[in-house]
């Protein structure tokens, strides 16, 4: 049994987080863990220097989907705001997906709107401009 199989078999892992340089995460950690988990986990680079490994099917998009079903609300009535790759499914689901300008290129590519950056109070600005 490999060390990865041992970790996954030993406990119900909810999330593993790795922090390193952006280059190391993109070029070393993400490719290694994507292959090592063999489809038994979602591997996502949430921000440039952070890699997250979560159980399959775990995503902000799925969480929002569950909440919408519980509240009987349509996804087109929802605005979602994000900046990392772990926000992509949520932005795609929402009727209005707003990516912050300092977000990842992949995240900005799926958004309906590119908002201000985190440093410019992008979340508050998007809510003010789009929800009121």
C-alpha atoms as a PDB file:
ATOM      1  CA  UNK A   1       0.000   0.000   0.000  1.00  0.00           C
ATOM      2  CA  UNK A   2       1.429   3.393  -1.001  1.00  0.00           C
ATOM      3  CA  UNK A   3       1.538   6.263   1.469  1.00  0.00           C
ATOM      4  CA  UNK A   4      -1.343   7.936  -0.389  1.00  0.00           C
ATOM      5  CA  UNK A   5      -3.494   4.813  -0.159  1.00  0.00           C
ATOM      6  CA  UNK A   6      -2.581   4.542   3.508  1.00  0.00           C
ATOM      7  CA  UNK A   7      -3.706   8.123   4.206  1.00  0.00           C
ATOM      8  CA  UNK A   8      -6.971   7.674   2.312  1.00  0.00           C
ATOM      9  CA  UNK A   9      -7.716   4.300   3.946  1.00  0.00           C
ATOM     10  CA  UNK A  10      -6.743   5.234   7.507  1.00  0.00           C
ATOM     11  CA  UNK A  11      -9.265   7.988   8.108  1.00  0.00           C
ATOM     12  CA  UNK A  12     -12.134   9.851   6.547  1.00  0.00           C
ATOM     13  CA  UNK A  13     -10.133  12.752   5.180  1.00  0.00           C
ATOM     14  CA  UNK A  14     -12.192  15.900   4.611  1.00  0.00           C
ATOM     15  CA  UNK A  15      -9.426  18.134   3.322  1.00  0.00           C
ATOM     16  CA  UNK A  16      -5.681  18.204   2.861  1.00  0.00           C
ATOM     17  CA  UNK A  17      -4.011  21.543   2.224  1.00  0.00           C
ATOM     18  CA  UNK A  18      -0.510  22.067   0.862  1.00  0.00           C
ATOM     19  CA  UNK A  19       1.177  25.476   0.854  1.00  0.00           C
ATOM     20  CA  UNK A  20       4.238  26.213  -1.252  1.00  0.00           C
ATOM     21  CA  UNK A  21       5.380  28.577  -3.964  1.00  0.00           C
ATOM     22  CA  UNK A  22       2.962  29.087  -6.852  1.00  0.00           C
ATOM     23  CA  UNK A  23       5.413  27.379  -9.195  1.00  0.00           C
ATOM     24  CA  UNK A  24       5.834  24.344  -6.945  1.00  0.00           C
ATOM     25  CA  UNK A  25       2.090  23.963  -6.470  1.00  0.00           C
ATOM     26  CA  UNK A  26       1.367  24.189 -10.217  1.00  0.00           C
ATOM     27  CA  UNK A  27       4.336  22.228 -11.530  1.00  0.00           C
ATOM     28  CA  UNK A  28       5.016  19.642  -8.835  1.00  0.00           C
ATOM     29  CA  UNK A  29       2.318  19.222  -6.194  1.00  0.00           C
ATOM     30  CA  UNK A  30      -0.801  19.428  -8.373  1.00  0.00           C
ATOM     31  CA  UNK A  31       0.410  16.962 -11.046  1.00  0.00           C
ATOM     32  CA  UNK A  32       1.731  14.547  -8.415  1.00  0.00           C
ATOM     33  CA  UNK A  33      -1.413  14.514  -6.263  1.00  0.00           C
ATOM     34  CA  UNK A  34      -3.766  14.469  -9.241  1.00  0.00           C
ATOM     35  CA  UNK A  35      -2.153  11.224 -10.355  1.00  0.00           C
ATOM     36  CA  UNK A  36      -1.578   9.814  -6.858  1.00  0.00           C
ATOM     37  CA  UNK A  37      -5.200  10.152  -5.768  1.00  0.00           C
ATOM     38  CA  UNK A  38      -6.325   8.228  -8.835  1.00  0.00           C
ATOM     39  CA  UNK A  39      -9.760   9.838  -9.003  1.00  0.00           C
ATOM     40  CA  UNK A  40     -10.488   9.130  -5.328  1.00  0.00           C
ATOM     41  CA  UNK A  41     -10.342  12.855  -4.538  1.00  0.00           C
ATOM     42  CA  UNK A  42     -10.719  16.279  -6.133  1.00  0.00           C
ATOM     43  CA  UNK A  43      -7.413  18.095  -6.443  1.00  0.00           C
ATOM     44  CA  UNK A  44      -7.727  21.840  -6.942  1.00  0.00           C
ATOM     45  CA  UNK A  45      -5.349  24.783  -6.835  1.00  0.00           C
ATOM     46  CA  UNK A  46      -7.592  27.158  -4.925  1.00  0.00           C
ATOM     47  CA  UNK A  47      -5.089  30.031  -4.957  1.00  0.00           C
ATOM     48  CA  UNK A  48      -1.675  30.219  -6.566  1.00  0.00           C
ATOM     49  CA  UNK A  49       0.295  28.941  -3.566  1.00  0.00           C
ATOM     50  CA  UNK A  50      -2.271  26.485  -2.150  1.00  0.00           C
ATOM     51  CA  UNK A  51      -3.399  23.046  -3.229  1.00  0.00           C
ATOM     52  CA  UNK A  52      -6.530  21.463  -1.752  1.00  0.00           C
ATOM     53  CA  UNK A  53      -7.429  17.783  -1.838  1.00  0.00           C
ATOM     54  CA  UNK A  54     -11.039  16.998  -0.931  1.00  0.00           C
ATOM     55  CA  UNK A  55     -13.359  13.985  -1.254  1.00  0.00           C
ATOM     56  CA  UNK A  56     -14.856  13.378  -4.711  1.00  0.00           C
ATOM     57  CA  UNK A  57     -17.937  15.478  -5.349  1.00  0.00           C
ATOM     58  CA  UNK A  58     -16.921  18.028  -2.739  1.00  0.00           C
ATOM     59  CA  UNK A  59     -17.110  21.547  -4.098  1.00  0.00           C
ATOM     60  CA  UNK A  60     -18.586  24.928  -3.380  1.00  0.00           C
ATOM     61  CA  UNK A  61     -20.813  24.370  -6.408  1.00  0.00           C
ATOM     62  CA  UNK A  62     -22.276  21.194  -4.911  1.00  0.00           C
ATOM     63  CA  UNK A  63     -22.719  22.926  -1.556  1.00  0.00           C
ATOM     64  CA  UNK A  64     -24.624  25.791  -3.154  1.00  0.00           C
ATOM     65  CA  UNK A  65     -26.693  23.299  -5.187  1.00  0.00           C
ATOM     66  CA  UNK A  66     -27.725  21.497  -1.973  1.00  0.00           C
ATOM     67  CA  UNK A  67     -28.635  24.796  -0.304  1.00  0.00           C
ATOM     68  CA  UNK A  68     -30.695  25.898  -3.302  1.00  0.00           C
ATOM     69  CA  UNK A  69     -32.615  22.618  -3.282  1.00  0.00           C
ATOM     70  CA  UNK A  70     -33.245  22.953   0.447  1.00  0.00           C
ATOM     71  CA  UNK A  71     -34.477  26.541   0.070  1.00  0.00           C
ATOM     72  CA  UNK A  72     -36.329  25.830  -3.191  1.00  0.00           C
ATOM     73  CA  UNK A  73     -34.472  28.640  -4.951  1.00  0.00           C
ATOM     74  CA  UNK A  74     -33.430  28.661  -8.590  1.00  0.00           C
ATOM     75  CA  UNK A  75     -29.729  28.983  -9.423  1.00  0.00           C
ATOM     76  CA  UNK A  76     -30.552  31.874 -11.783  1.00  0.00           C
ATOM     77  CA  UNK A  77     -31.615  33.880  -8.710  1.00  0.00           C
ATOM     78  CA  UNK A  78     -28.139  33.554  -7.162  1.00  0.00           C
ATOM     79  CA  UNK A  79     -25.018  35.649  -7.434  1.00  0.00           C
ATOM     80  CA  UNK A  80     -21.768  33.908  -6.554  1.00  0.00           C
ATOM     81  CA  UNK A  81     -18.432  35.669  -6.037  1.00  0.00           C
ATOM     82  CA  UNK A  82     -15.041  33.985  -6.112  1.00  0.00           C
ATOM     83  CA  UNK A  83     -11.383  34.225  -6.970  1.00  0.00           C
ATOM     84  CA  UNK A  84      -9.951  30.706  -6.846  1.00  0.00           C
ATOM     85  CA  UNK A  85     -10.233  27.554  -8.900  1.00  0.00           C
ATOM     86  CA  UNK A  86     -12.295  26.058  -6.074  1.00  0.00           C
ATOM     87  CA  UNK A  87     -14.971  28.670  -6.906  1.00  0.00           C
ATOM     88  CA  UNK A  88     -15.385  27.708 -10.580  1.00  0.00           C
ATOM     89  CA  UNK A  89     -18.301  25.265 -10.194  1.00  0.00           C
ATOM     90  CA  UNK A  90     -20.117  27.738  -7.953  1.00  0.00           C
ATOM     91  CA  UNK A  91     -19.656  30.584 -10.459  1.00  0.00           C
ATOM     92  CA  UNK A  92     -20.846  28.359 -13.311  1.00  0.00           C
ATOM     93  CA  UNK A  93     -23.946  27.354 -11.340  1.00  0.00           C
ATOM     94  CA  UNK A  94     -25.027  30.841 -10.327  1.00  0.00           C
ATOM     95  CA  UNK A  95     -27.196  33.046 -12.493  1.00  0.00           C
ATOM     96  CA  UNK A  96     -24.521  35.700 -12.046  1.00  0.00           C
ATOM     97  CA  UNK A  97     -20.932  34.636 -11.451  1.00  0.00           C
ATOM     98  CA  UNK A  98     -18.520  37.364 -10.400  1.00  0.00           C
ATOM     99  CA  UNK A  99     -14.779  36.724 -10.363  1.00  0.00           C
ATOM    100  CA  UNK A 100     -12.538  39.139  -8.519  1.00  0.00           C
ATOM    101  CA  UNK A 101      -9.943  40.823 -10.725  1.00  0.00           C
ATOM    102  CA  UNK A 102      -7.063  39.346  -8.719  1.00  0.00           C
ATOM    103  CA  UNK A 103      -8.499  35.831  -9.144  1.00  0.00           C
ATOM    104  CA  UNK A 104      -7.096  32.988 -11.179  1.00  0.00           C
ATOM    105  CA  UNK A 105      -7.346  33.167 -14.960  1.00  0.00           C
ATOM    106  CA  UNK A 106      -9.414  29.956 -15.007  1.00  0.00           C
ATOM    107  CA  UNK A 107     -11.888  31.498 -12.572  1.00  0.00           C
ATOM    108  CA  UNK A 108     -12.166  34.731 -14.518  1.00  0.00           C
ATOM    109  CA  UNK A 109     -12.755  32.741 -17.718  1.00  0.00           C
ATOM    110  CA  UNK A 110     -16.022  31.232 -16.407  1.00  0.00           C
ATOM    111  CA  UNK A 111     -17.384  34.381 -14.748  1.00  0.00           C
ATOM    112  CA  UNK A 112     -20.129  36.564 -16.193  1.00  0.00           C
ATOM    113  CA  UNK A 113     -18.514  39.650 -14.687  1.00  0.00           C
ATOM    114  CA  UNK A 114     -15.015  40.555 -13.491  1.00  0.00           C
ATOM    115  CA  UNK A 115     -15.254  42.672 -10.356  1.00  0.00           C
ATOM    116  CA  UNK A 116     -12.775  44.679  -8.332  1.00  0.00           C
ATOM    117  CA  UNK A 117      -9.954  42.890  -6.475  1.00  0.00           C
ATOM    118  CA  UNK A 118      -9.941  41.695  -2.876  1.00  0.00           C
ATOM    119  CA  UNK A 119      -7.783  44.689  -2.013  1.00  0.00           C
ATOM    120  CA  UNK A 120     -10.442  46.979  -3.473  1.00  0.00           C
ATOM    121  CA  UNK A 121     -13.290  45.406  -1.447  1.00  0.00           C
ATOM    122  CA  UNK A 122     -14.382  43.459  -4.513  1.00  0.00           C
ATOM    123  CA  UNK A 123     -16.992  41.351  -2.732  1.00  0.00           C
ATOM    124  CA  UNK A 124     -18.718  44.350  -1.155  1.00  0.00           C
ATOM    125  CA  UNK A 125     -18.502  46.244  -4.432  1.00  0.00           C
ATOM    126  CA  UNK A 126     -20.053  43.363  -6.404  1.00  0.00           C
ATOM    127  CA  UNK A 127     -22.912  43.029  -3.930  1.00  0.00           C
ATOM    128  CA  UNK A 128     -23.541  46.765  -4.010  1.00  0.00           C
ATOM    129  CA  UNK A 129     -23.426  47.010  -7.822  1.00  0.00           C
ATOM    130  CA  UNK A 130     -25.230  43.796  -8.721  1.00  0.00           C
ATOM    131  CA  UNK A 131     -27.638  43.022  -5.889  1.00  0.00           C
ATOM    132  CA  UNK A 132     -29.019  46.445  -5.017  1.00  0.00           C
END
